[in-house]
Amino acid sequence: MDRRLEQTIMGLLEQRADTSSICPSDAARAAYEGDGDGWRDLMEPVRRAAWRLVAAGEVEVTQSGRPVKKSEARGPLRIRRARR
C-alpha cells in the first residue's frame, strides 16, 4: 500500500501543471477502492507517503504556499512537485 500511495501522489501531480499542488485527500480518494468515506482512513498513510517522497526529493509539503518540515507541519497541507 505504501508504494501505491506514493505512485498515486506522483500520478496526480503529473496530471497537473508544474506549479500546481494537491491536497492529501485527493490522493486518499484516488487510492481508495471502496464506496463511502472509507478514504478518510488513508489520510495518515498518504501523509506518511508524502513525507517519504519529500525525503527522496520528489515533492514538497507546503502550508500557505511555503515548504514546511515535518516537525513544523500543523493543520492543512498541500503537496507539490519539488522545486529544482
PDB file of N, CA and C in Angstrom:
ATOM      1  N   MET A   1       0.824  -1.200   0.000  1.00  0.00           N
ATOM      2  CA  MET A   1       0.000   0.000   0.000  1.00  0.00           C
ATOM      3  C   MET A   1       0.865   1.260   0.000  1.00  0.00           C
ATOM      4  N   ASP A   2       1.984   1.242   0.725  1.00  0.00           N
ATOM      5  CA  ASP A   2       2.842   2.431   0.785  1.00  0.00           C
ATOM      6  C   ASP A   2       3.270   2.877  -0.605  1.00  0.00           C
ATOM      7  N   ARG A   3       3.774   1.933  -1.384  1.00  0.00           N
ATOM      8  CA  ARG A   3       4.245   2.263  -2.737  1.00  0.00           C
ATOM      9  C   ARG A   3       3.083   2.766  -3.604  1.00  0.00           C
ATOM     10  N   ARG A   4       1.921   2.142  -3.446  1.00  0.00           N
ATOM     11  CA  ARG A   4       0.764   2.563  -4.238  1.00  0.00           C
ATOM     12  C   ARG A   4       0.365   4.004  -3.916  1.00  0.00           C
ATOM     13  N   LEU A   5       0.437   4.378  -2.654  1.00  0.00           N
ATOM     14  CA  LEU A   5       0.101   5.755  -2.284  1.00  0.00           C
ATOM     15  C   LEU A   5       1.114   6.735  -2.852  1.00  0.00           C
ATOM     16  N   GLU A   6       2.382   6.372  -2.827  1.00  0.00           N
ATOM     17  CA  GLU A   6       3.409   7.234  -3.430  1.00  0.00           C
ATOM     18  C   GLU A   6       3.148   7.392  -4.925  1.00  0.00           C
ATOM     19  N   GLN A   7       2.821   6.304  -5.591  1.00  0.00           N
ATOM     20  CA  GLN A   7       2.523   6.361  -7.028  1.00  0.00           C
ATOM     21  C   GLN A   7       1.277   7.192  -7.301  1.00  0.00           C
ATOM     22  N   THR A   8       0.295   7.098  -6.437  1.00  0.00           N
ATOM     23  CA  THR A   8      -0.926   7.889  -6.606  1.00  0.00           C
ATOM     24  C   THR A   8      -0.618   9.375  -6.492  1.00  0.00           C
ATOM     25  N   ILE A   9       0.167   9.743  -5.499  1.00  0.00           N
ATOM     26  CA  ILE A   9       0.554  11.154  -5.342  1.00  0.00           C
ATOM     27  C   ILE A   9       1.267  11.643  -6.588  1.00  0.00           C
ATOM     28  N   MET A  10       2.271  10.898  -7.046  1.00  0.00           N
ATOM     29  CA  MET A  10       3.040  11.325  -8.214  1.00  0.00           C
ATOM     30  C   MET A  10       2.166  11.358  -9.468  1.00  0.00           C
ATOM     31  N   GLY A  11       1.274  10.394  -9.608  1.00  0.00           N
ATOM     32  CA  GLY A  11       0.378  10.366 -10.763  1.00  0.00           C
ATOM     33  C   GLY A  11      -0.546  11.575 -10.805  1.00  0.00           C
ATOM     34  N   LEU A  12      -1.088  11.947  -9.656  1.00  0.00           N
ATOM     35  CA  LEU A  12      -1.957  13.131  -9.605  1.00  0.00           C
ATOM     36  C   LEU A  12      -1.177  14.397  -9.938  1.00  0.00           C
ATOM     37  N   LEU A  13       0.042  14.491  -9.432  1.00  0.00           N
ATOM     38  CA  LEU A  13       0.859  15.674  -9.728  1.00  0.00           C
ATOM     39  C   LEU A  13       1.223  15.743 -11.205  1.00  0.00           C
ATOM     40  N   GLU A  14       1.454  14.596 -11.823  1.00  0.00           N
ATOM     41  CA  GLU A  14       1.784  14.578 -13.256  1.00  0.00           C
ATOM     42  C   GLU A  14       0.623  15.062 -14.109  1.00  0.00           C
ATOM     43  N   GLN A  15      -0.593  14.929 -13.614  1.00  0.00           N
ATOM     44  CA  GLN A  15      -1.784  15.357 -14.355  1.00  0.00           C
ATOM     45  C   GLN A  15      -2.047  16.852 -14.219  1.00  0.00           C
ATOM     46  N   ARG A  16      -1.274  17.515 -13.395  1.00  0.00           N
ATOM     47  CA  ARG A  16      -1.493  18.944 -13.135  1.00  0.00           C
ATOM     48  C   ARG A  16      -0.311  19.771 -13.614  1.00  0.00           C
ATOM     49  N   ALA A  17      -0.514  21.053 -13.684  1.00  0.00           N
ATOM     50  CA  ALA A  17       0.561  21.964 -14.079  1.00  0.00           C
ATOM     51  C   ALA A  17       1.722  21.841 -13.097  1.00  0.00           C
ATOM     52  N   ASP A  18       2.920  22.140 -13.567  1.00  0.00           N
ATOM     53  CA  ASP A  18       4.121  22.019 -12.734  1.00  0.00           C
ATOM     54  C   ASP A  18       4.023  22.830 -11.448  1.00  0.00           C
ATOM     55  N   THR A  19       3.292  23.911 -11.476  1.00  0.00           N
ATOM     56  CA  THR A  19       3.196  24.775 -10.303  1.00  0.00           C
ATOM     57  C   THR A  19       2.007  24.427  -9.401  1.00  0.00           C
ATOM     58  N   SER A  20       1.214  23.443  -9.785  1.00  0.00           N
ATOM     59  CA  SER A  20       0.026  23.080  -9.013  1.00  0.00           C
ATOM     60  C   SER A  20       0.372  22.146  -7.862  1.00  0.00           C
ATOM     61  N   SER A  21      -0.547  22.083  -6.916  1.00  0.00           N
ATOM     62  CA  SER A  21      -0.386  21.182  -5.782  1.00  0.00           C
ATOM     63  C   SER A  21      -1.664  20.370  -5.609  1.00  0.00           C
ATOM     64  N   ILE A  22      -1.569  19.346  -4.772  1.00  0.00           N
ATOM     65  CA  ILE A  22      -2.737  18.540  -4.450  1.00  0.00           C
ATOM     66  C   ILE A  22      -2.917  18.524  -2.932  1.00  0.00           C
ATOM     67  N   CYS A  23      -4.110  18.231  -2.535  1.00  0.00           N
ATOM     68  CA  CYS A  23      -4.417  18.018  -1.130  1.00  0.00           C
ATOM     69  C   CYS A  23      -4.200  16.529  -0.842  1.00  0.00           C
ATOM     70  N   PRO A  24      -3.712  16.170   0.333  1.00  0.00           N
ATOM     71  CA  PRO A  24      -3.577  14.745   0.642  1.00  0.00           C
ATOM     72  C   PRO A  24      -4.891  13.978   0.452  1.00  0.00           C
ATOM     73  N   SER A  25      -6.022  14.641   0.668  1.00  0.00           N
ATOM     74  CA  SER A  25      -7.303  13.958   0.477  1.00  0.00           C
ATOM     75  C   SER A  25      -7.539  13.575  -0.982  1.00  0.00           C
ATOM     76  N   ASP A  26      -6.965  14.333  -1.922  1.00  0.00           N
ATOM     77  CA  ASP A  26      -7.074  13.964  -3.340  1.00  0.00           C
ATOM     78  C   ASP A  26      -6.460  12.586  -3.564  1.00  0.00           C
ATOM     79  N   ALA A  27      -5.287  12.367  -2.979  1.00  0.00           N
ATOM     80  CA  ALA A  27      -4.602  11.079  -3.130  1.00  0.00           C
ATOM     81  C   ALA A  27      -5.352   9.976  -2.391  1.00  0.00           C
ATOM     82  N   ALA A  28      -5.856  10.267  -1.215  1.00  0.00           N
ATOM     83  CA  ALA A  28      -6.603   9.264  -0.451  1.00  0.00           C
ATOM     84  C   ALA A  28      -7.850   8.822  -1.215  1.00  0.00           C
ATOM     85  N   ARG A  29      -8.559   9.777  -1.777  1.00  0.00           N
ATOM     86  CA  ARG A  29      -9.767   9.454  -2.544  1.00  0.00           C
ATOM     87  C   ARG A  29      -9.426   8.635  -3.801  1.00  0.00           C
ATOM     88  N   ALA A  30      -8.335   9.022  -4.467  1.00  0.00           N
ATOM     89  CA  ALA A  30      -7.942   8.323  -5.695  1.00  0.00           C
ATOM     90  C   ALA A  30      -7.491   6.892  -5.398  1.00  0.00           C
ATOM     91  N   ALA A  31      -6.867   6.675  -4.258  1.00  0.00           N
ATOM     92  CA  ALA A  31      -6.345   5.347  -3.924  1.00  0.00           C
ATOM     93  C   ALA A  31      -7.412   4.433  -3.318  1.00  0.00           C
ATOM     94  N   TYR A  32      -8.449   5.016  -2.752  1.00  0.00           N
ATOM     95  CA  TYR A  32      -9.473   4.225  -2.080  1.00  0.00           C
ATOM     96  C   TYR A  32     -10.292   3.457  -3.104  1.00  0.00           C
ATOM     97  N   GLU A  33     -10.518   2.182  -2.830  1.00  0.00           N
ATOM     98  CA  GLU A  33     -11.209   1.333  -3.792  1.00  0.00           C
ATOM     99  C   GLU A  33     -12.642   1.000  -3.403  1.00  0.00           C
ATOM    100  N   GLY A  34     -13.149   1.637  -2.377  1.00  0.00           N
ATOM    101  CA  GLY A  34     -14.498   1.325  -1.937  1.00  0.00           C
ATOM    102  C   GLY A  34     -15.452   2.471  -2.158  1.00  0.00           C
ATOM    103  N   ASP A  35     -16.622   2.321  -1.586  1.00  0.00           N
ATOM    104  CA  ASP A  35     -17.638   3.364  -1.620  1.00  0.00           C
ATOM    105  C   ASP A  35     -17.659   4.077  -0.269  1.00  0.00           C
ATOM    106  N   GLY A  36     -18.274   5.211  -0.233  1.00  0.00           N
ATOM    107  CA  GLY A  36     -18.413   5.930   1.022  1.00  0.00           C
ATOM    108  C   GLY A  36     -17.178   6.720   1.382  1.00  0.00           C
ATOM    109  N   ASP A  37     -17.033   6.974   2.669  1.00  0.00           N
ATOM    110  CA  ASP A  37     -15.942   7.828   3.101  1.00  0.00           C
ATOM    111  C   ASP A  37     -14.780   7.037   3.726  1.00  0.00           C
ATOM    112  N   GLY A  38     -14.612   5.793   3.348  1.00  0.00           N
ATOM    113  CA  GLY A  38     -13.507   4.976   3.826  1.00  0.00           C
ATOM    114  C   GLY A  38     -12.148   5.533   3.442  1.00  0.00           C
ATOM    115  N   TRP A  39     -12.123   6.423   2.459  1.00  0.00           N
ATOM    116  CA  TRP A  39     -10.858   7.055   2.050  1.00  0.00           C
ATOM    117  C   TRP A  39     -10.229   7.822   3.208  1.00  0.00           C
ATOM    118  N   ARG A  40     -11.042   8.234   4.170  1.00  0.00           N
ATOM    119  CA  ARG A  40     -10.512   9.001   5.308  1.00  0.00           C
ATOM    120  C   ARG A  40      -9.479   8.191   6.102  1.00  0.00           C
ATOM    121  N   ASP A  41      -9.639   6.880   6.109  1.00  0.00           N
ATOM    122  CA  ASP A  41      -8.675   6.014   6.802  1.00  0.00           C
ATOM    123  C   ASP A  41      -7.305   6.040   6.133  1.00  0.00           C
ATOM    124  N   LEU A  42      -7.244   6.519   4.895  1.00  0.00           N
ATOM    125  CA  LEU A  42      -5.976   6.586   4.167  1.00  0.00           C
ATOM    126  C   LEU A  42      -5.255   7.925   4.340  1.00  0.00           C
ATOM    127  N   MET A  43      -5.859   8.858   5.047  1.00  0.00           N
ATOM    128  CA  MET A  43      -5.247  10.188   5.165  1.00  0.00           C
ATOM    129  C   MET A  43      -3.869  10.147   5.824  1.00  0.00           C
ATOM    130  N   GLU A  44      -3.747   9.474   6.936  1.00  0.00           N
ATOM    131  CA  GLU A  44      -2.441   9.418   7.594  1.00  0.00           C
ATOM    132  C   GLU A  44      -1.424   8.629   6.763  1.00  0.00           C
ATOM    133  N   PRO A  45      -1.805   7.483   6.173  1.00  0.00           N
ATOM    134  CA  PRO A  45      -0.853   6.812   5.275  1.00  0.00           C
ATOM    135  C   PRO A  45      -0.429   7.683   4.088  1.00  0.00           C
ATOM    136  N   VAL A  46      -1.328   8.504   3.554  1.00  0.00           N
ATOM    137  CA  VAL A  46      -0.973   9.406   2.451  1.00  0.00           C
ATOM    138  C   VAL A  46       0.028  10.453   2.947  1.00  0.00           C
ATOM    139  N   ARG A  47      -0.201  10.989   4.120  1.00  0.00           N
ATOM    140  CA  ARG A  47       0.752  11.972   4.661  1.00  0.00           C
ATOM    141  C   ARG A  47       2.135  11.334   4.842  1.00  0.00           C
ATOM    142  N   ARG A  48       2.164  10.108   5.358  1.00  0.00           N
ATOM    143  CA  ARG A  48       3.455   9.419   5.514  1.00  0.00           C
ATOM    144  C   ARG A  48       4.117   9.193   4.152  1.00  0.00           C
ATOM    145  N   ALA A  49       3.316   8.830   3.147  1.00  0.00           N
ATOM    146  CA  ALA A  49       3.864   8.644   1.796  1.00  0.00           C
ATOM    147  C   ALA A  49       4.437   9.954   1.271  1.00  0.00           C
ATOM    148  N   ALA A  50       3.747  11.048   1.539  1.00  0.00           N
ATOM    149  CA  ALA A  50       4.237  12.358   1.086  1.00  0.00           C
ATOM    150  C   ALA A  50       5.580  12.675   1.733  1.00  0.00           C
ATOM    151  N   TRP A  51       5.722  12.403   3.015  1.00  0.00           N
ATOM    152  CA  TRP A  51       6.991  12.690   3.693  1.00  0.00           C
ATOM    153  C   TRP A  51       8.115  11.796   3.170  1.00  0.00           C
ATOM    154  N   ARG A  52       7.789  10.561   2.788  1.00  0.00           N
ATOM    155  CA  ARG A  52       8.821   9.708   2.160  1.00  0.00           C
ATOM    156  C   ARG A  52       9.256  10.306   0.823  1.00  0.00           C
ATOM    157  N   LEU A  53       8.297  10.841   0.070  1.00  0.00           N
ATOM    158  CA  LEU A  53       8.631  11.467  -1.210  1.00  0.00           C
ATOM    159  C   LEU A  53       9.415  12.750  -1.010  1.00  0.00           C
ATOM    160  N   VAL A  54       9.163  13.455   0.081  1.00  0.00           N
ATOM    161  CA  VAL A  54       9.975  14.632   0.426  1.00  0.00           C
ATOM    162  C   VAL A  54      11.418  14.188   0.648  1.00  0.00           C
ATOM    163  N   ALA A  55      11.598  13.127   1.433  1.00  0.00           N
ATOM    164  CA  ALA A  55      12.940  12.624   1.733  1.00  0.00           C
ATOM    165  C   ALA A  55      13.669  12.187   0.469  1.00  0.00           C
ATOM    166  N   ALA A  56      12.917  11.710  -0.518  1.00  0.00           N
ATOM    167  CA  ALA A  56      13.503  11.282  -1.794  1.00  0.00           C
ATOM    168  C   ALA A  56      13.735  12.446  -2.752  1.00  0.00           C
ATOM    169  N   GLY A  57      13.297  13.655  -2.362  1.00  0.00           N
ATOM    170  CA  GLY A  57      13.491  14.825  -3.208  1.00  0.00           C
ATOM    171  C   GLY A  57      12.487  14.961  -4.336  1.00  0.00           C
ATOM    172  N   GLU A  58      11.392  14.215  -4.271  1.00  0.00           N
ATOM    173  CA  GLU A  58      10.390  14.222  -5.340  1.00  0.00           C
ATOM    174  C   GLU A  58       9.327  15.304  -5.172  1.00  0.00           C
ATOM    175  N   VAL A  59       8.945  15.580  -3.930  1.00  0.00           N
ATOM    176  CA  VAL A  59       7.869  16.537  -3.679  1.00  0.00           C
ATOM    177  C   VAL A  59       8.239  17.457  -2.518  1.00  0.00           C
ATOM    178  N   GLU A  60       7.428  18.481  -2.351  1.00  0.00           N
ATOM    179  CA  GLU A  60       7.493  19.358  -1.188  1.00  0.00           C
ATOM    180  C   GLU A  60       6.116  19.345  -0.530  1.00  0.00           C
ATOM    181  N   VAL A  61       6.101  19.379   0.765  1.00  0.00           N
ATOM    182  CA  VAL A  61       4.856  19.556   1.506  1.00  0.00           C
ATOM    183  C   VAL A  61       4.815  21.025   1.903  1.00  0.00           C
ATOM    184  N   THR A  62       3.684  21.659   1.632  1.00  0.00           N
ATOM    185  CA  THR A  62       3.584  23.101   1.872  1.00  0.00           C
ATOM    186  C   THR A  62       2.397  23.440   2.769  1.00  0.00           C
ATOM    187  N   GLN A  63       2.529  24.613   3.381  1.00  0.00           N
ATOM    188  CA  GLN A  63       1.433  25.256   4.084  1.00  0.00           C
ATOM    189  C   GLN A  63       1.496  26.728   3.709  1.00  0.00           C
ATOM    190  N   SER A  64       0.383  27.264   3.337  1.00  0.00           N
ATOM    191  CA  SER A  64       0.310  28.662   2.880  1.00  0.00           C
ATOM    192  C   SER A  64       1.306  28.926   1.755  1.00  0.00           C
ATOM    193  N   GLY A  65       1.511  27.919   0.896  1.00  0.00           N
ATOM    194  CA  GLY A  65       2.376  28.075  -0.269  1.00  0.00           C
ATOM    195  C   GLY A  65       3.863  27.957   0.000  1.00  0.00           C
ATOM    196  N   ARG A  66       4.252  27.712   1.248  1.00  0.00           N
ATOM    197  CA  ARG A  66       5.674  27.611   1.593  1.00  0.00           C
ATOM    198  C   ARG A  66       6.010  26.198   2.045  1.00  0.00           C
ATOM    199  N   PRO A  67       7.154  25.673   1.612  1.00  0.00           N
ATOM    200  CA  PRO A  67       7.565  24.343   2.075  1.00  0.00           C
ATOM    201  C   PRO A  67       7.738  24.321   3.591  1.00  0.00           C
ATOM    202  N   VAL A  68       7.338  23.226   4.202  1.00  0.00           N
ATOM    203  CA  VAL A  68       7.498  23.053   5.640  1.00  0.00           C
ATOM    204  C   VAL A  68       8.199  21.728   5.916  1.00  0.00           C
ATOM    205  N   LYS A  69       8.865  21.689   7.057  1.00  0.00           N
ATOM    206  CA  LYS A  69       9.468  20.449   7.528  1.00  0.00           C
ATOM    207  C   LYS A  69       8.403  19.665   8.279  1.00  0.00           C
ATOM    208  N   LYS A  70       8.605  18.358   8.335  1.00  0.00           N
ATOM    209  CA  LYS A  70       7.636  17.507   9.021  1.00  0.00           C
ATOM    210  C   LYS A  70       7.419  17.969  10.461  1.00  0.00           C
ATOM    211  N   SER A  71       8.484  18.365  11.126  1.00  0.00           N
ATOM    212  CA  SER A  71       8.381  18.781  12.528  1.00  0.00           C
ATOM    213  C   SER A  71       7.615  20.091  12.699  1.00  0.00           C
ATOM    214  N   GLU A  72       7.490  20.872  11.636  1.00  0.00           N
ATOM    215  CA  GLU A  72       6.794  22.166  11.682  1.00  0.00           C
ATOM    216  C   GLU A  72       5.347  22.089  11.200  1.00  0.00           C
ATOM    217  N   ALA A  73       5.001  21.030  10.517  1.00  0.00           N
ATOM    218  CA  ALA A  73       3.697  20.928   9.859  1.00  0.00           C
ATOM    219  C   ALA A  73       2.569  20.751  10.871  1.00  0.00           C
ATOM    220  N   ARG A  74       1.608  21.647  10.812  1.00  0.00           N
ATOM    221  CA  ARG A  74       0.409  21.595  11.642  1.00  0.00           C
ATOM    222  C   ARG A  74      -0.764  22.062  10.785  1.00  0.00           C
ATOM    223  N   GLY A  75      -1.833  21.324  10.815  1.00  0.00           N
ATOM    224  CA  GLY A  75      -3.020  21.741  10.081  1.00  0.00           C
ATOM    225  C   GLY A  75      -2.992  21.299   8.623  1.00  0.00           C
ATOM    226  N   PRO A  76      -3.765  21.993   7.773  1.00  0.00           N
ATOM    227  CA  PRO A  76      -3.901  21.608   6.365  1.00  0.00           C
ATOM    228  C   PRO A  76      -2.568  21.669   5.612  1.00  0.00           C
ATOM    229  N   LEU A  77      -2.339  20.650   4.804  1.00  0.00           N
ATOM    230  CA  LEU A  77      -1.119  20.552   3.999  1.00  0.00           C
ATOM    231  C   LEU A  77      -1.468  20.473   2.528  1.00  0.00           C
ATOM    232  N   ARG A  78      -0.512  20.816   1.692  1.00  0.00           N
ATOM    233  CA  ARG A  78      -0.594  20.616   0.250  1.00  0.00           C
ATOM    234  C   ARG A  78       0.679  19.900  -0.175  1.00  0.00           C
ATOM    235  N   ILE A  79       0.626  19.228  -1.298  1.00  0.00           N
ATOM    236  CA  ILE A  79       1.786  18.510  -1.835  1.00  0.00           C
ATOM    237  C   ILE A  79       2.017  19.006  -3.254  1.00  0.00           C
ATOM    238  N   ARG A  80       3.259  19.341  -3.576  1.00  0.00           N
ATOM    239  CA  ARG A  80       3.607  19.781  -4.944  1.00  0.00           C
ATOM    240  C   ARG A  80       4.935  19.151  -5.327  1.00  0.00           C
ATOM    241  N   ARG A  81       5.183  19.185  -6.630  1.00  0.00           N
ATOM    242  CA  ARG A  81       6.480  18.697  -7.107  1.00  0.00           C
ATOM    243  C   ARG A  81       7.600  19.519  -6.487  1.00  0.00           C
ATOM    244  N   ALA A  82       8.731  18.873  -6.236  1.00  0.00           N
ATOM    245  CA  ALA A  82       9.885  19.588  -5.675  1.00  0.00           C
ATOM    246  C   ALA A  82      10.357  20.621  -6.675  1.00  0.00           C
ATOM    247  N   ARG A  83      10.660  21.788  -6.168  1.00  0.00           N
ATOM    248  CA  ARG A  83      11.219  22.850  -6.996  1.00  0.00           C
ATOM    249  C   ARG A  83      12.710  22.604  -7.134  1.00  0.00           C
ATOM    250  N   ARG A  84      13.171  22.573  -8.354  1.00  0.00           N
ATOM    251  CA  ARG A  84      14.597  22.279  -8.584  1.00  0.00           C
ATOM    252  C   ARG A  84      15.323  23.487  -9.074  1.00  0.00           C
TER     253      ARG A  84
END
